[in-house]
Amino acid sequence: MSLTRSAINELCGYIQEKCSSIFGSKFWDCRLVCGIEYGTKPDKYETRIFALSKFRIFIVHGKTPASVKVDRYFHLLSIRSIQILNDTEVSYFHSEFSFAR
């Protein structure tokens, strides 16, 4: 899914404002929402939205505010390591036994 920068900014603003209705709990207010290139394989990246709340990290996808869906989420304590690869790349590893979806 290739989105323009303005579409990503629109989605980030929408998620920031409506985070309790998207994530399902009024306690999960978003601390940080930004667009990322997300990849689980080294050669394939997709445009996703990264949302950080008090306790969880959400990876969200969608082309319009009406089509926003949570792709993955996991608890902050399940992060095992964070590695800064260069100025624009960060890699994180989380526990396989956590409650990630």
C-alpha atoms as a PDB file:
ATOM      1  CA  MET A   1       0.000   0.000   0.000  1.00  0.00           C
ATOM      2  CA  SER A   2       1.605   3.230  -1.114  1.00  0.00           C
ATOM      3  CA  LEU A   3       0.266   6.361   0.536  1.00  0.00           C
ATOM      4  CA  THR A   4       1.164   9.986  -0.012  1.00  0.00           C
ATOM      5  CA  ARG A   5       2.674  12.001   2.807  1.00  0.00           C
ATOM      6  CA  SER A   6      -0.526  14.031   3.191  1.00  0.00           C
ATOM      7  CA  ALA A   7      -2.613  10.838   3.468  1.00  0.00           C
ATOM      8  CA  ILE A   8      -0.267   9.486   6.141  1.00  0.00           C
ATOM      9  CA  ASN A   9      -0.452  12.775   8.065  1.00  0.00           C
ATOM     10  CA  GLU A  10      -4.256  12.719   7.809  1.00  0.00           C
ATOM     11  CA  LEU A  11      -4.374   9.160   9.166  1.00  0.00           C
ATOM     12  CA  CYS A  12      -1.967  10.035  11.987  1.00  0.00           C
ATOM     13  CA  GLY A  13      -4.114  13.003  13.001  1.00  0.00           C
ATOM     14  CA  TYR A  14      -7.268  10.897  12.894  1.00  0.00           C
ATOM     15  CA  ILE A  15      -5.714   8.148  15.031  1.00  0.00           C
ATOM     16  CA  GLN A  16      -4.383  10.714  17.528  1.00  0.00           C
ATOM     17  CA  GLU A  17      -7.863  12.234  17.940  1.00  0.00           C
ATOM     18  CA  LYS A  18      -9.919   9.015  17.900  1.00  0.00           C
ATOM     19  CA  CYS A  19      -7.533   6.561  19.571  1.00  0.00           C
ATOM     20  CA  SER A  20     -10.014   5.436  22.234  1.00  0.00           C
ATOM     21  CA  SER A  21     -12.599   4.433  19.623  1.00  0.00           C
ATOM     22  CA  ILE A  22     -10.023   2.689  17.386  1.00  0.00           C
ATOM     23  CA  PHE A  23      -8.196   0.775  20.114  1.00  0.00           C
ATOM     24  CA  GLY A  24     -11.249   0.130  22.256  1.00  0.00           C
ATOM     25  CA  SER A  25     -10.246   1.576  25.610  1.00  0.00           C
ATOM     26  CA  LYS A  26     -10.366   5.092  26.967  1.00  0.00           C
ATOM     27  CA  PHE A  27      -7.145   4.382  28.885  1.00  0.00           C
ATOM     28  CA  TRP A  28      -5.085   3.827  25.709  1.00  0.00           C
ATOM     29  CA  ASP A  29      -4.571   7.447  24.775  1.00  0.00           C
ATOM     30  CA  CYS A  30      -1.867   7.790  22.150  1.00  0.00           C
ATOM     31  CA  ARG A  31       1.427   9.342  23.162  1.00  0.00           C
ATOM     32  CA  LEU A  32       2.992   9.128  19.691  1.00  0.00           C
ATOM     33  CA  VAL A  33       1.558   8.449  16.225  1.00  0.00           C
ATOM     34  CA  CYS A  34       3.750   8.449  13.115  1.00  0.00           C
ATOM     35  CA  GLY A  35       4.029   6.881   9.690  1.00  0.00           C
ATOM     36  CA  ILE A  36       6.581   4.100   9.239  1.00  0.00           C
ATOM     37  CA  GLU A  37       7.829   1.647   6.648  1.00  0.00           C
ATOM     38  CA  TYR A  38       7.103  -1.675   8.346  1.00  0.00           C
ATOM     39  CA  GLY A  39       8.680  -4.933   7.281  1.00  0.00           C
ATOM     40  CA  THR A  40       8.848  -8.440   8.645  1.00  0.00           C
ATOM     41  CA  LYS A  41      11.088  -9.585   5.802  1.00  0.00           C
ATOM     42  CA  PRO A  42      14.321  -7.818   4.784  1.00  0.00           C
ATOM     43  CA  ASP A  43      13.237  -7.056   1.218  1.00  0.00           C
ATOM     44  CA  LYS A  44       9.562  -6.091   1.633  1.00  0.00           C
ATOM     45  CA  TYR A  45       8.354  -2.927   3.378  1.00  0.00           C
ATOM     46  CA  GLU A  46       4.811  -1.609   3.686  1.00  0.00           C
ATOM     47  CA  THR A  47       3.486   1.757   4.816  1.00  0.00           C
ATOM     48  CA  ARG A  48       1.955   1.484   8.275  1.00  0.00           C
ATOM     49  CA  ILE A  49       1.110   3.767  11.178  1.00  0.00           C
ATOM     50  CA  PHE A  50       2.988   3.323  14.471  1.00  0.00           C
ATOM     51  CA  ALA A  51       0.958   4.269  17.557  1.00  0.00           C
ATOM     52  CA  LEU A  52       2.436   4.267  21.047  1.00  0.00           C
ATOM     53  CA  SER A  53       0.147   4.344  24.077  1.00  0.00           C
ATOM     54  CA  LYS A  54       0.883   4.059  27.795  1.00  0.00           C
ATOM     55  CA  PHE A  55       1.144   0.274  27.755  1.00  0.00           C
ATOM     56  CA  ARG A  56       0.972  -0.952  24.168  1.00  0.00           C
ATOM     57  CA  ILE A  57       2.426  -0.468  20.717  1.00  0.00           C
ATOM     58  CA  PHE A  58      -0.005  -0.655  17.802  1.00  0.00           C
ATOM     59  CA  ILE A  59       0.831  -1.167  14.128  1.00  0.00           C
ATOM     60  CA  VAL A  60      -2.139   0.176  12.156  1.00  0.00           C
ATOM     61  CA  HIS A  61      -2.978   0.135   8.445  1.00  0.00           C
ATOM     62  CA  GLY A  62      -5.616   1.724   6.231  1.00  0.00           C
ATOM     63  CA  LYS A  63      -5.986   4.056   3.279  1.00  0.00           C
ATOM     64  CA  THR A  64      -8.714   6.297   4.690  1.00  0.00           C
ATOM     65  CA  PRO A  65      -9.837   7.136   8.234  1.00  0.00           C
ATOM     66  CA  ALA A  66     -12.896   4.900   7.746  1.00  0.00           C
ATOM     67  CA  SER A  67     -10.727   1.888   6.847  1.00  0.00           C
ATOM     68  CA  VAL A  68      -8.215   2.091   9.724  1.00  0.00           C
ATOM     69  CA  LYS A  69      -7.559  -1.326  11.301  1.00  0.00           C
ATOM     70  CA  VAL A  70      -5.085  -2.605  13.868  1.00  0.00           C
ATOM     71  CA  ASP A  71      -2.591  -4.914  12.190  1.00  0.00           C
ATOM     72  CA  ARG A  72      -0.543  -5.920  15.256  1.00  0.00           C
ATOM     73  CA  TYR A  73      -0.252  -4.881  18.872  1.00  0.00           C
ATOM     74  CA  PHE A  74       1.847  -5.905  21.824  1.00  0.00           C
ATOM     75  CA  HIS A  75       2.675  -4.818  25.344  1.00  0.00           C
ATOM     76  CA  LEU A  76       5.680  -2.557  25.923  1.00  0.00           C
ATOM     77  CA  LEU A  77       7.191  -5.002  28.406  1.00  0.00           C
ATOM     78  CA  SER A  78       7.422  -7.685  25.709  1.00  0.00           C
ATOM     79  CA  ILE A  79      10.165  -5.724  23.896  1.00  0.00           C
ATOM     80  CA  ARG A  80      13.450  -7.607  24.257  1.00  0.00           C
ATOM     81  CA  SER A  81      15.756  -5.228  22.384  1.00  0.00           C
ATOM     82  CA  ILE A  82      15.784  -2.093  20.257  1.00  0.00           C
ATOM     83  CA  GLN A  83      18.566  -1.617  17.743  1.00  0.00           C
ATOM     84  CA  ILE A  84      19.279   1.625  15.877  1.00  0.00           C
ATOM     85  CA  LEU A  85      20.563   0.574  12.467  1.00  0.00           C
ATOM     86  CA  ASN A  86      21.161   4.076  11.076  1.00  0.00           C
ATOM     87  CA  ASP A  87      19.583   7.547  11.204  1.00  0.00           C
ATOM     88  CA  THR A  88      16.337   6.374   9.612  1.00  0.00           C
ATOM     89  CA  GLU A  89      16.049   2.714  10.659  1.00  0.00           C
ATOM     90  CA  VAL A  90      15.175   1.136  13.985  1.00  0.00           C
ATOM     91  CA  SER A  91      14.718  -2.555  14.602  1.00  0.00           C
ATOM     92  CA  TYR A  92      12.947  -4.018  17.617  1.00  0.00           C
ATOM     93  CA  PHE A  93      12.572  -7.571  18.835  1.00  0.00           C
ATOM     94  CA  HIS A  94       9.783  -8.698  21.101  1.00  0.00           C
ATOM     95  CA  SER A  95       9.041 -11.881  22.967  1.00  0.00           C
ATOM     96  CA  GLU A  96       7.382 -14.623  20.935  1.00  0.00           C
ATOM     97  CA  PHE A  97       5.457 -15.681  24.014  1.00  0.00           C
ATOM     98  CA  SER A  98       3.760 -12.345  24.555  1.00  0.00           C
ATOM     99  CA  PHE A  99       0.175 -11.635  23.644  1.00  0.00           C
ATOM    100  CA  ALA A 100       1.018 -10.100  20.266  1.00  0.00           C
ATOM    101  CA  ARG A 101      -1.492 -10.406  17.455  1.00  0.00           C
END
